[in-house]
Amino acid sequence: MILFQSIVLLILFLIELAALFSLGYWGFHFNRGWIVRFALGIGAPLVIAVFWGLFVAPKATYPVTIPVRHLLQIAVFSLASLALYASGQKTIAVGFFVVALIVVLLVYSMKI
């Protein structure tokens, strides 16, 4: 069981990284000038990373209850999925959201 929990947590970490990448991808593919694209490509993942560190991370600055933490995770992953969808990556967006939702539900149900 410990091996399965470790694998689930590894997948959750990889999904977190993929969410940051997705937001950066969206920002760099935004239909505006290069300054706006650069600002969004760097700024969007940075804002989410700071938010994650403040509220969602296991050692967050402002820890929230476990159910709230999982809801915030789903919110961040939904935002990343919407960013992929807006960038024209519709299939990847749906797949990312489904995998993220399953992993968050597994983490919640296993109480890890």
PDB file of N, CA and C in Angstrom:
ATOM      1  N   MET A   1       0.818  -1.198   0.000  1.00  0.00           N
ATOM      2  CA  MET A   1       0.000   0.000   0.000  1.00  0.00           C
ATOM      3  C   MET A   1       0.862   1.262   0.000  1.00  0.00           C
ATOM      4  N   ILE A   2       1.991   1.209   0.710  1.00  0.00           N
ATOM      5  CA  ILE A   2       2.873   2.372   0.766  1.00  0.00           C
ATOM      6  C   ILE A   2       3.439   2.686  -0.612  1.00  0.00           C
ATOM      7  N   LEU A   3       3.744   1.664  -1.380  1.00  0.00           N
ATOM      8  CA  LEU A   3       4.253   1.880  -2.735  1.00  0.00           C
ATOM      9  C   LEU A   3       3.195   2.569  -3.597  1.00  0.00           C
ATOM     10  N   PHE A   4       1.950   2.138  -3.497  1.00  0.00           N
ATOM     11  CA  PHE A   4       0.868   2.751  -4.270  1.00  0.00           C
ATOM     12  C   PHE A   4       0.674   4.209  -3.872  1.00  0.00           C
ATOM     13  N   GLN A   5       0.720   4.499  -2.562  1.00  0.00           N
ATOM     14  CA  GLN A   5       0.589   5.874  -2.104  1.00  0.00           C
ATOM     15  C   GLN A   5       1.739   6.734  -2.623  1.00  0.00           C
ATOM     16  N   SER A   6       2.933   6.186  -2.638  1.00  0.00           N
ATOM     17  CA  SER A   6       4.090   6.926  -3.145  1.00  0.00           C
ATOM     18  C   SER A   6       3.936   7.227  -4.626  1.00  0.00           C
ATOM     19  N   ILE A   7       3.434   6.274  -5.375  1.00  0.00           N
ATOM     20  CA  ILE A   7       3.218   6.478  -6.811  1.00  0.00           C
ATOM     21  C   ILE A   7       2.159   7.546  -7.042  1.00  0.00           C
ATOM     22  N   VAL A   8       1.085   7.505  -6.264  1.00  0.00           N
ATOM     23  CA  VAL A   8       0.023   8.506  -6.400  1.00  0.00           C
ATOM     24  C   VAL A   8       0.559   9.897  -6.076  1.00  0.00           C
ATOM     25  N   LEU A   9       1.369  10.009  -5.026  1.00  0.00           N
ATOM     26  CA  LEU A   9       1.941  11.309  -4.671  1.00  0.00           C
ATOM     27  C   LEU A   9       2.920  11.797  -5.731  1.00  0.00           C
ATOM     28  N   LEU A  10       3.662  10.888  -6.350  1.00  0.00           N
ATOM     29  CA  LEU A  10       4.557  11.263  -7.440  1.00  0.00           C
ATOM     30  C   LEU A  10       3.753  11.793  -8.625  1.00  0.00           C
ATOM     31  N   ILE A  11       2.672  11.121  -8.949  1.00  0.00           N
ATOM     32  CA  ILE A  11       1.821  11.577 -10.055  1.00  0.00           C
ATOM     33  C   ILE A  11       1.208  12.934  -9.727  1.00  0.00           C
ATOM     34  N   LEU A  12       0.802  13.138  -8.474  1.00  0.00           N
ATOM     35  CA  LEU A  12       0.270  14.438  -8.068  1.00  0.00           C
ATOM     36  C   LEU A  12       1.319  15.534  -8.257  1.00  0.00           C
ATOM     37  N   PHE A  13       2.551  15.267  -7.872  1.00  0.00           N
ATOM     38  CA  PHE A  13       3.627  16.238  -8.058  1.00  0.00           C
ATOM     39  C   PHE A  13       3.841  16.546  -9.538  1.00  0.00           C
ATOM     40  N   LEU A  14       3.831  15.504 -10.369  1.00  0.00           N
ATOM     41  CA  LEU A  14       4.009  15.718 -11.810  1.00  0.00           C
ATOM     42  C   LEU A  14       2.846  16.516 -12.400  1.00  0.00           C
ATOM     43  N   ILE A  15       1.645  16.304 -11.891  1.00  0.00           N
ATOM     44  CA  ILE A  15       0.492  17.076 -12.352  1.00  0.00           C
ATOM     45  C   ILE A  15       0.633  18.534 -11.930  1.00  0.00           C
ATOM     46  N   GLU A  16       1.165  18.777 -10.735  1.00  0.00           N
ATOM     47  CA  GLU A  16       1.408  20.149 -10.300  1.00  0.00           C
ATOM     48  C   GLU A  16       2.371  20.850 -11.258  1.00  0.00           C
ATOM     49  N   LEU A  17       3.449  20.170 -11.620  1.00  0.00           N
ATOM     50  CA  LEU A  17       4.406  20.742 -12.570  1.00  0.00           C
ATOM     51  C   LEU A  17       3.766  20.958 -13.939  1.00  0.00           C
ATOM     52  N   ALA A  18       2.948  20.007 -14.361  1.00  0.00           N
ATOM     53  CA  ALA A  18       2.259  20.138 -15.648  1.00  0.00           C
ATOM     54  C   ALA A  18       1.290  21.315 -15.641  1.00  0.00           C
ATOM     55  N   ALA A  19       0.668  21.586 -14.493  1.00  0.00           N
ATOM     56  CA  ALA A  19      -0.238  22.732 -14.393  1.00  0.00           C
ATOM     57  C   ALA A  19       0.531  24.034 -14.590  1.00  0.00           C
ATOM     58  N   LEU A  20       1.697  24.136 -13.975  1.00  0.00           N
ATOM     59  CA  LEU A  20       2.519  25.338 -14.158  1.00  0.00           C
ATOM     60  C   LEU A  20       2.955  25.473 -15.617  1.00  0.00           C
ATOM     61  N   PHE A  21       3.358  24.358 -16.215  1.00  0.00           N
ATOM     62  CA  PHE A  21       3.747  24.377 -17.620  1.00  0.00           C
ATOM     63  C   PHE A  21       2.568  24.805 -18.501  1.00  0.00           C
ATOM     64  N   SER A  22       1.379  24.291 -18.205  1.00  0.00           N
ATOM     65  CA  SER A  22       0.187  24.612 -18.992  1.00  0.00           C
ATOM     66  C   SER A  22      -0.119  26.100 -18.958  1.00  0.00           C
ATOM     67  N   LEU A  23      -0.005  26.690 -17.785  1.00  0.00           N
ATOM     68  CA  LEU A  23      -0.262  28.127 -17.667  1.00  0.00           C
ATOM     69  C   LEU A  23       0.785  28.932 -18.411  1.00  0.00           C
ATOM     70  N   GLY A  24       2.038  28.492 -18.361  1.00  0.00           N
ATOM     71  CA  GLY A  24       3.087  29.157 -19.123  1.00  0.00           C
ATOM     72  C   GLY A  24       2.866  29.015 -20.620  1.00  0.00           C
ATOM     73  N   TYR A  25       2.470  27.841 -21.036  1.00  0.00           N
ATOM     74  CA  TYR A  25       2.177  27.604 -22.452  1.00  0.00           C
ATOM     75  C   TYR A  25       1.070  28.530 -22.932  1.00  0.00           C
ATOM     76  N   TRP A  26       0.008  28.643 -22.133  1.00  0.00           N
ATOM     77  CA  TRP A  26      -1.088  29.543 -22.476  1.00  0.00           C
ATOM     78  C   TRP A  26      -0.588  30.977 -22.607  1.00  0.00           C
ATOM     79  N   GLY A  27       0.196  31.411 -21.632  1.00  0.00           N
ATOM     80  CA  GLY A  27       0.684  32.780 -21.649  1.00  0.00           C
ATOM     81  C   GLY A  27       1.542  33.086 -22.862  1.00  0.00           C
ATOM     82  N   PHE A  28       2.425  32.169 -23.214  1.00  0.00           N
ATOM     83  CA  PHE A  28       3.303  32.399 -24.359  1.00  0.00           C
ATOM     84  C   PHE A  28       2.583  32.266 -25.698  1.00  0.00           C
ATOM     85  N   HIS A  29       1.388  31.684 -25.702  1.00  0.00           N
ATOM     86  CA  HIS A  29       0.610  31.556 -26.936  1.00  0.00           C
ATOM     87  C   HIS A  29      -0.595  32.490 -26.967  1.00  0.00           C
ATOM     88  N   PHE A  30      -0.615  33.469 -26.087  1.00  0.00           N
ATOM     89  CA  PHE A  30      -1.697  34.447 -26.042  1.00  0.00           C
ATOM     90  C   PHE A  30      -1.610  35.347 -27.267  1.00  0.00           C
ATOM     91  N   ASN A  31      -2.761  35.756 -27.804  1.00  0.00           N
ATOM     92  CA  ASN A  31      -2.795  36.520 -29.054  1.00  0.00           C
ATOM     93  C   ASN A  31      -2.605  38.019 -28.841  1.00  0.00           C
ATOM     94  N   ARG A  32      -1.492  38.391 -28.281  1.00  0.00           N
ATOM     95  CA  ARG A  32      -1.136  39.800 -28.109  1.00  0.00           C
ATOM     96  C   ARG A  32       0.333  39.965 -28.438  1.00  0.00           C
ATOM     97  N   GLY A  33       0.852  41.128 -28.185  1.00  0.00           N
ATOM     98  CA  GLY A  33       2.255  41.416 -28.467  1.00  0.00           C
ATOM     99  C   GLY A  33       3.196  40.572 -27.620  1.00  0.00           C
ATOM    100  N   TRP A  34       4.457  40.591 -28.010  1.00  0.00           N
ATOM    101  CA  TRP A  34       5.418  39.729 -27.330  1.00  0.00           C
ATOM    102  C   TRP A  34       5.616  40.117 -25.874  1.00  0.00           C
ATOM    103  N   ILE A  35       5.439  41.380 -25.531  1.00  0.00           N
ATOM    104  CA  ILE A  35       5.588  41.793 -24.135  1.00  0.00           C
ATOM    105  C   ILE A  35       4.484  41.171 -23.284  1.00  0.00           C
ATOM    106  N   VAL A  36       3.255  41.206 -23.779  1.00  0.00           N
ATOM    107  CA  VAL A  36       2.131  40.607 -23.047  1.00  0.00           C
ATOM    108  C   VAL A  36       2.318  39.100 -22.951  1.00  0.00           C
ATOM    109  N   ARG A  37       2.711  38.469 -24.047  1.00  0.00           N
ATOM    110  CA  ARG A  37       2.934  37.017 -24.027  1.00  0.00           C
ATOM    111  C   ARG A  37       4.020  36.637 -23.032  1.00  0.00           C
ATOM    112  N   PHE A  38       5.098  37.398 -23.014  1.00  0.00           N
ATOM    113  CA  PHE A  38       6.183  37.115 -22.086  1.00  0.00           C
ATOM    114  C   PHE A  38       5.722  37.301 -20.638  1.00  0.00           C
ATOM    115  N   ALA A  39       4.996  38.387 -20.387  1.00  0.00           N
ATOM    116  CA  ALA A  39       4.511  38.661 -19.030  1.00  0.00           C
ATOM    117  C   ALA A  39       3.549  37.573 -18.560  1.00  0.00           C
ATOM    118  N   LEU A  40       2.638  37.148 -19.431  1.00  0.00           N
ATOM    119  CA  LEU A  40       1.700  36.084 -19.052  1.00  0.00           C
ATOM    120  C   LEU A  40       2.395  34.729 -18.952  1.00  0.00           C
ATOM    121  N   GLY A  41       3.332  34.473 -19.857  1.00  0.00           N
ATOM    122  CA  GLY A  41       4.037  33.202 -19.860  1.00  0.00           C
ATOM    123  C   GLY A  41       4.866  32.990 -18.612  1.00  0.00           C
ATOM    124  N   ILE A  42       5.412  34.064 -18.073  1.00  0.00           N
ATOM    125  CA  ILE A  42       6.180  33.979 -16.831  1.00  0.00           C
ATOM    126  C   ILE A  42       5.277  34.244 -15.625  1.00  0.00           C
ATOM    127  N   GLY A  43       4.385  35.222 -15.752  1.00  0.00           N
ATOM    128  CA  GLY A  43       3.575  35.672 -14.623  1.00  0.00           C
ATOM    129  C   GLY A  43       2.517  34.689 -14.168  1.00  0.00           C
ATOM    130  N   ALA A  44       1.812  34.058 -15.094  1.00  0.00           N
ATOM    131  CA  ALA A  44       0.729  33.145 -14.714  1.00  0.00           C
ATOM    132  C   ALA A  44       1.244  31.963 -13.884  1.00  0.00           C
ATOM    133  N   PRO A  45       2.302  31.267 -14.325  1.00  0.00           N
ATOM    134  CA  PRO A  45       2.804  30.175 -13.477  1.00  0.00           C
ATOM    135  C   PRO A  45       3.363  30.685 -12.147  1.00  0.00           C
ATOM    136  N   LEU A  46       3.959  31.869 -12.169  1.00  0.00           N
ATOM    137  CA  LEU A  46       4.521  32.418 -10.941  1.00  0.00           C
ATOM    138  C   LEU A  46       3.430  32.730  -9.921  1.00  0.00           C
ATOM    139  N   VAL A  47       2.336  33.312 -10.376  1.00  0.00           N
ATOM    140  CA  VAL A  47       1.216  33.624  -9.470  1.00  0.00           C
ATOM    141  C   VAL A  47       0.643  32.340  -8.877  1.00  0.00           C
ATOM    142  N   ILE A  48       0.464  31.326  -9.703  1.00  0.00           N
ATOM    143  CA  ILE A  48      -0.081  30.054  -9.213  1.00  0.00           C
ATOM    144  C   ILE A  48       0.893  29.368  -8.262  1.00  0.00           C
ATOM    145  N   ALA A  49       2.191  29.444  -8.546  1.00  0.00           N
ATOM    146  CA  ALA A  49       3.185  28.839  -7.658  1.00  0.00           C
ATOM    147  C   ALA A  49       3.181  29.522  -6.286  1.00  0.00           C
ATOM    148  N   VAL A  50       3.049  30.837  -6.273  1.00  0.00           N
ATOM    149  CA  VAL A  50       2.981  31.556  -5.000  1.00  0.00           C
ATOM    150  C   VAL A  50       1.702  31.180  -4.257  1.00  0.00           C
ATOM    151  N   PHE A  51       0.575  31.142  -4.971  1.00  0.00           N
ATOM    152  CA  PHE A  51      -0.695  30.736  -4.367  1.00  0.00           C
ATOM    153  C   PHE A  51      -0.578  29.335  -3.771  1.00  0.00           C
ATOM    154  N   TRP A  52       0.029  28.421  -4.520  1.00  0.00           N
ATOM    155  CA  TRP A  52       0.194  27.041  -4.071  1.00  0.00           C
ATOM    156  C   TRP A  52       1.025  27.007  -2.789  1.00  0.00           C
ATOM    157  N   GLY A  53       2.106  27.754  -2.762  1.00  0.00           N
ATOM    158  CA  GLY A  53       2.958  27.787  -1.584  1.00  0.00           C
ATOM    159  C   GLY A  53       2.287  28.397  -0.367  1.00  0.00           C
ATOM    160  N   LEU A  54       1.412  29.362  -0.609  1.00  0.00           N
ATOM    161  CA  LEU A  54       0.732  30.016   0.501  1.00  0.00           C
ATOM    162  C   LEU A  54      -0.379  29.165   1.108  1.00  0.00           C
ATOM    163  N   PHE A  55      -1.126  28.458   0.262  1.00  0.00           N
ATOM    164  CA  PHE A  55      -2.343  27.798   0.746  1.00  0.00           C
ATOM    165  C   PHE A  55      -2.403  26.287   0.538  1.00  0.00           C
ATOM    166  N   VAL A  56      -1.814  25.759  -0.505  1.00  0.00           N
ATOM    167  CA  VAL A  56      -2.067  24.376  -0.903  1.00  0.00           C
ATOM    168  C   VAL A  56      -0.951  23.414  -0.509  1.00  0.00           C
ATOM    169  N   ALA A  57       0.272  23.876  -0.485  1.00  0.00           N
ATOM    170  CA  ALA A  57       1.418  23.003  -0.205  1.00  0.00           C
ATOM    171  C   ALA A  57       1.281  22.357   1.178  1.00  0.00           C
ATOM    172  N   PRO A  58       1.871  21.173   1.349  1.00  0.00           N
ATOM    173  CA  PRO A  58       1.791  20.519   2.658  1.00  0.00           C
ATOM    174  C   PRO A  58       2.341  21.384   3.802  1.00  0.00           C
ATOM    175  N   LYS A  59       3.365  22.185   3.535  1.00  0.00           N
ATOM    176  CA  LYS A  59       3.914  23.088   4.550  1.00  0.00           C
ATOM    177  C   LYS A  59       3.598  24.534   4.167  1.00  0.00           C
ATOM    178  N   ALA A  60       2.339  24.787   3.862  1.00  0.00           N
ATOM    179  CA  ALA A  60       1.899  26.098   3.405  1.00  0.00           C
ATOM    180  C   ALA A  60       2.073  27.158   4.486  1.00  0.00           C
ATOM    181  N   THR A  61       2.252  28.388   4.031  1.00  0.00           N
ATOM    182  CA  THR A  61       2.357  29.513   4.958  1.00  0.00           C
ATOM    183  C   THR A  61       1.057  29.697   5.731  1.00  0.00           C
ATOM    184  N   TYR A  62      -0.053  29.587   5.032  1.00  0.00           N
ATOM    185  CA  TYR A  62      -1.381  29.696   5.635  1.00  0.00           C
ATOM    186  C   TYR A  62      -2.130  28.390   5.381  1.00  0.00           C
ATOM    187  N   PRO A  63      -1.898  27.377   6.201  1.00  0.00           N
ATOM    188  CA  PRO A  63      -2.514  26.071   5.937  1.00  0.00           C
ATOM    189  C   PRO A  63      -4.035  26.118   6.066  1.00  0.00           C
ATOM    190  N   VAL A  64      -4.659  25.349   5.219  1.00  0.00           N
ATOM    191  CA  VAL A  64      -6.118  25.225   5.230  1.00  0.00           C
ATOM    192  C   VAL A  64      -6.460  23.780   5.581  1.00  0.00           C
ATOM    193  N   THR A  65      -7.730  23.519   5.818  1.00  0.00           N
ATOM    194  CA  THR A  65      -8.141  22.152   6.130  1.00  0.00           C
ATOM    195  C   THR A  65      -7.954  21.265   4.895  1.00  0.00           C
ATOM    196  N   ILE A  66      -7.917  19.992   5.126  1.00  0.00           N
ATOM    197  CA  ILE A  66      -7.654  19.048   4.036  1.00  0.00           C
ATOM    198  C   ILE A  66      -8.714  19.123   2.931  1.00  0.00           C
ATOM    199  N   PRO A  67     -10.012  19.143   3.250  1.00  0.00           N
ATOM    200  CA  PRO A  67     -10.990  19.249   2.155  1.00  0.00           C
ATOM    201  C   PRO A  67     -10.829  20.549   1.347  1.00  0.00           C
ATOM    202  N   VAL A  68     -10.530  21.645   2.032  1.00  0.00           N
ATOM    203  CA  VAL A  68     -10.331  22.911   1.327  1.00  0.00           C
ATOM    204  C   VAL A  68      -9.088  22.836   0.452  1.00  0.00           C
ATOM    205  N   ARG A  69      -8.038  22.205   0.964  1.00  0.00           N
ATOM    206  CA  ARG A  69      -6.813  22.052   0.175  1.00  0.00           C
ATOM    207  C   ARG A  69      -7.086  21.286  -1.119  1.00  0.00           C
ATOM    208  N   HIS A  70      -7.869  20.223  -1.028  1.00  0.00           N
ATOM    209  CA  HIS A  70      -8.173  19.447  -2.229  1.00  0.00           C
ATOM    210  C   HIS A  70      -9.063  20.232  -3.195  1.00  0.00           C
ATOM    211  N   LEU A  71      -9.967  21.020  -2.663  1.00  0.00           N
ATOM    212  CA  LEU A  71     -10.781  21.878  -3.536  1.00  0.00           C
ATOM    213  C   LEU A  71      -9.909  22.922  -4.238  1.00  0.00           C
ATOM    214  N   LEU A  72      -8.939  23.478  -3.538  1.00  0.00           N
ATOM    215  CA  LEU A  72      -8.027  24.432  -4.160  1.00  0.00           C
ATOM    216  C   LEU A  72      -7.158  23.753  -5.218  1.00  0.00           C
ATOM    217  N   GLN A  73      -6.759  22.515  -4.950  1.00  0.00           N
ATOM    218  CA  GLN A  73      -6.007  21.768  -5.963  1.00  0.00           C
ATOM    219  C   GLN A  73      -6.848  21.587  -7.219  1.00  0.00           C
ATOM    220  N   ILE A  74      -8.088  21.198  -7.037  1.00  0.00           N
ATOM    221  CA  ILE A  74      -8.974  21.009  -8.187  1.00  0.00           C
ATOM    222  C   ILE A  74      -9.165  22.337  -8.921  1.00  0.00           C
ATOM    223  N   ALA A  75      -9.271  23.431  -8.188  1.00  0.00           N
ATOM    224  CA  ALA A  75      -9.423  24.742  -8.818  1.00  0.00           C
ATOM    225  C   ALA A  75      -8.195  25.096  -9.663  1.00  0.00           C
ATOM    226  N   VAL A  76      -7.001  24.847  -9.133  1.00  0.00           N
ATOM    227  CA  VAL A  76      -5.776  25.139  -9.882  1.00  0.00           C
ATOM    228  C   VAL A  76      -5.680  24.252 -11.112  1.00  0.00           C
ATOM    229  N   PHE A  77      -5.994  22.971 -10.955  1.00  0.00           N
ATOM    230  CA  PHE A  77      -5.924  22.066 -12.094  1.00  0.00           C
ATOM    231  C   PHE A  77      -6.994  22.398 -13.141  1.00  0.00           C
ATOM    232  N   SER A  78      -8.141  22.862 -12.693  1.00  0.00           N
ATOM    233  CA  SER A  78      -9.179  23.293 -13.629  1.00  0.00           C
ATOM    234  C   SER A  78      -8.719  24.514 -14.413  1.00  0.00           C
ATOM    235  N   LEU A  79      -8.082  25.447 -13.718  1.00  0.00           N
ATOM    236  CA  LEU A  79      -7.561  26.635 -14.385  1.00  0.00           C
ATOM    237  C   LEU A  79      -6.498  26.261 -15.418  1.00  0.00           C
ATOM    238  N   ALA A  80      -5.629  25.337 -15.063  1.00  0.00           N
ATOM    239  CA  ALA A  80      -4.608  24.881 -16.010  1.00  0.00           C
ATOM    240  C   ALA A  80      -5.246  24.178 -17.207  1.00  0.00           C
ATOM    241  N   SER A  81      -6.280  23.406 -16.947  1.00  0.00           N
ATOM    242  CA  SER A  81      -6.985  22.726 -18.033  1.00  0.00           C
ATOM    243  C   SER A  81      -7.665  23.736 -18.956  1.00  0.00           C
ATOM    244  N   LEU A  82      -8.283  24.747 -18.369  1.00  0.00           N
ATOM    245  CA  LEU A  82      -8.897  25.808 -19.184  1.00  0.00           C
ATOM    246  C   LEU A  82      -7.853  26.557 -20.000  1.00  0.00           C
ATOM    247  N   ALA A  83      -6.685  26.751 -19.425  1.00  0.00           N
ATOM    248  CA  ALA A  83      -5.608  27.421 -20.163  1.00  0.00           C
ATOM    249  C   ALA A  83      -5.185  26.590 -21.371  1.00  0.00           C
ATOM    250  N   LEU A  84      -5.070  25.288 -21.173  1.00  0.00           N
ATOM    251  CA  LEU A  84      -4.741  24.422 -22.311  1.00  0.00           C
ATOM    252  C   LEU A  84      -5.836  24.459 -23.362  1.00  0.00           C
ATOM    253  N   TYR A  85      -7.076  24.425 -22.909  1.00  0.00           N
ATOM    254  CA  TYR A  85      -8.210  24.460 -23.832  1.00  0.00           C
ATOM    255  C   TYR A  85      -8.203  25.764 -24.639  1.00  0.00           C
ATOM    256  N   ALA A  86      -7.935  26.877 -23.966  1.00  0.00           N
ATOM    257  CA  ALA A  86      -7.903  28.174 -24.640  1.00  0.00           C
ATOM    258  C   ALA A  86      -6.732  28.281 -25.608  1.00  0.00           C
ATOM    259  N   SER A  87      -5.700  27.476 -25.378  1.00  0.00           N
ATOM    260  CA  SER A  87      -4.530  27.488 -26.266  1.00  0.00           C
ATOM    261  C   SER A  87      -4.717  26.582 -27.472  1.00  0.00           C
ATOM    262  N   GLY A  88      -5.866  25.945 -27.566  1.00  0.00           N
ATOM    263  CA  GLY A  88      -6.144  25.073 -28.701  1.00  0.00           C
ATOM    264  C   GLY A  88      -5.813  23.615 -28.457  1.00  0.00           C
ATOM    265  N   GLN A  89      -5.385  23.265 -27.276  1.00  0.00           N
ATOM    266  CA  GLN A  89      -5.028  21.884 -26.937  1.00  0.00           C
ATOM    267  C   GLN A  89      -6.204  21.207 -26.236  1.00  0.00           C
ATOM    268  N   LYS A  90      -7.302  21.062 -26.950  1.00  0.00           N
ATOM    269  CA  LYS A  90      -8.557  20.602 -26.352  1.00  0.00           C
ATOM    270  C   LYS A  90      -8.469  19.175 -25.804  1.00  0.00           C
ATOM    271  N   THR A  91      -7.910  18.266 -26.554  1.00  0.00           N
ATOM    272  CA  THR A  91      -7.820  16.875 -26.124  1.00  0.00           C
ATOM    273  C   THR A  91      -6.906  16.732 -24.908  1.00  0.00           C
ATOM    274  N   ILE A  92      -5.774  17.415 -24.956  1.00  0.00           N
ATOM    275  CA  ILE A  92      -4.845  17.372 -23.828  1.00  0.00           C
ATOM    276  C   ILE A  92      -5.493  17.986 -22.592  1.00  0.00           C
ATOM    277  N   ALA A  93      -6.257  19.063 -22.786  1.00  0.00           N
ATOM    278  CA  ALA A  93      -6.925  19.730 -21.665  1.00  0.00           C
ATOM    279  C   ALA A  93      -7.899  18.795 -20.964  1.00  0.00           C
ATOM    280  N   VAL A  94      -8.699  18.092 -21.733  1.00  0.00           N
ATOM    281  CA  VAL A  94      -9.672  17.164 -21.147  1.00  0.00           C
ATOM    282  C   VAL A  94      -8.956  16.010 -20.449  1.00  0.00           C
ATOM    283  N   GLY A  95      -7.945  15.457 -21.092  1.00  0.00           N
ATOM    284  CA  GLY A  95      -7.183  14.364 -20.487  1.00  0.00           C
ATOM    285  C   GLY A  95      -6.485  14.798 -19.205  1.00  0.00           C
ATOM    286  N   PHE A  96      -5.900  15.981 -19.230  1.00  0.00           N
ATOM    287  CA  PHE A  96      -5.230  16.506 -18.043  1.00  0.00           C
ATOM    288  C   PHE A  96      -6.218  16.658 -16.887  1.00  0.00           C
ATOM    289  N   PHE A  97      -7.390  17.212 -17.178  1.00  0.00           N
ATOM    290  CA  PHE A  97      -8.375  17.418 -16.128  1.00  0.00           C
ATOM    291  C   PHE A  97      -8.856  16.098 -15.542  1.00  0.00           C
ATOM    292  N   VAL A  98      -9.102  15.118 -16.384  1.00  0.00           N
ATOM    293  CA  VAL A  98      -9.584  13.818 -15.906  1.00  0.00           C
ATOM    294  C   VAL A  98      -8.536  13.149 -15.016  1.00  0.00           C
ATOM    295  N   VAL A  99      -7.289  13.142 -15.458  1.00  0.00           N
ATOM    296  CA  VAL A  99      -6.221  12.529 -14.670  1.00  0.00           C
ATOM    297  C   VAL A  99      -6.042  13.274 -13.349  1.00  0.00           C
ATOM    298  N   ALA A 100      -6.038  14.601 -13.398  1.00  0.00           N
ATOM    299  CA  ALA A 100      -5.868  15.396 -12.178  1.00  0.00           C
ATOM    300  C   ALA A 100      -7.002  15.142 -11.193  1.00  0.00           C
ATOM    301  N   LEU A 101      -8.221  15.084 -11.694  1.00  0.00           N
ATOM    302  CA  LEU A 101      -9.363  14.843 -10.821  1.00  0.00           C
ATOM    303  C   LEU A 101      -9.280  13.466 -10.160  1.00  0.00           C
ATOM    304  N   ILE A 102      -8.915  12.460 -10.934  1.00  0.00           N
ATOM    305  CA  ILE A 102      -8.781  11.105 -10.385  1.00  0.00           C
ATOM    306  C   ILE A 102      -7.702  11.064  -9.305  1.00  0.00           C
ATOM    307  N   VAL A 103      -6.570  11.701  -9.563  1.00  0.00           N
ATOM    308  CA  VAL A 103      -5.469  11.671  -8.596  1.00  0.00           C
ATOM    309  C   VAL A 103      -5.862  12.420  -7.315  1.00  0.00           C
ATOM    310  N   VAL A 104      -6.498  13.573  -7.445  1.00  0.00           N
ATOM    311  CA  VAL A 104      -6.915  14.319  -6.247  1.00  0.00           C
ATOM    312  C   VAL A 104      -7.930  13.515  -5.448  1.00  0.00           C
ATOM    313  N   LEU A 105      -8.847  12.854  -6.134  1.00  0.00           N
ATOM    314  CA  LEU A 105      -9.811  12.017  -5.423  1.00  0.00           C
ATOM    315  C   LEU A 105      -9.141  10.823  -4.738  1.00  0.00           C
ATOM    316  N   LEU A 106      -8.124  10.247  -5.386  1.00  0.00           N
ATOM    317  CA  LEU A 106      -7.378   9.147  -4.757  1.00  0.00           C
ATOM    318  C   LEU A 106      -6.653   9.637  -3.499  1.00  0.00           C
ATOM    319  N   VAL A 107      -5.993  10.785  -3.616  1.00  0.00           N
ATOM    320  CA  VAL A 107      -5.271  11.328  -2.458  1.00  0.00           C
ATOM    321  C   VAL A 107      -6.247  11.607  -1.319  1.00  0.00           C
ATOM    322  N   TYR A 108      -7.398  12.166  -1.650  1.00  0.00           N
ATOM    323  CA  TYR A 108      -8.382  12.461  -0.632  1.00  0.00           C
ATOM    324  C   TYR A 108      -8.932  11.192   0.025  1.00  0.00           C
ATOM    325  N   SER A 109      -9.226  10.191  -0.789  1.00  0.00           N
ATOM    326  CA  SER A 109      -9.807   8.965  -0.243  1.00  0.00           C
ATOM    327  C   SER A 109      -8.794   8.158   0.569  1.00  0.00           C
ATOM    328  N   MET A 110      -7.494   8.256   0.215  1.00  0.00           N
ATOM    329  CA  MET A 110      -6.464   7.534   0.972  1.00  0.00           C
ATOM    330  C   MET A 110      -5.976   8.333   2.175  1.00  0.00           C
ATOM    331  N   LYS A 111      -6.439   9.575   2.302  1.00  0.00           N
ATOM    332  CA  LYS A 111      -6.088  10.439   3.439  1.00  0.00           C
ATOM    333  C   LYS A 111      -4.586  10.639   3.546  1.00  0.00           C
ATOM    334  N   ILE A 112      -3.965  10.939   2.396  1.00  0.00           N
ATOM    335  CA  ILE A 112      -2.517  11.225   2.406  1.00  0.00           C
ATOM    336  C   ILE A 112      -2.269  12.665   2.002  1.00  0.00           C
TER     337      ILE A 112
END
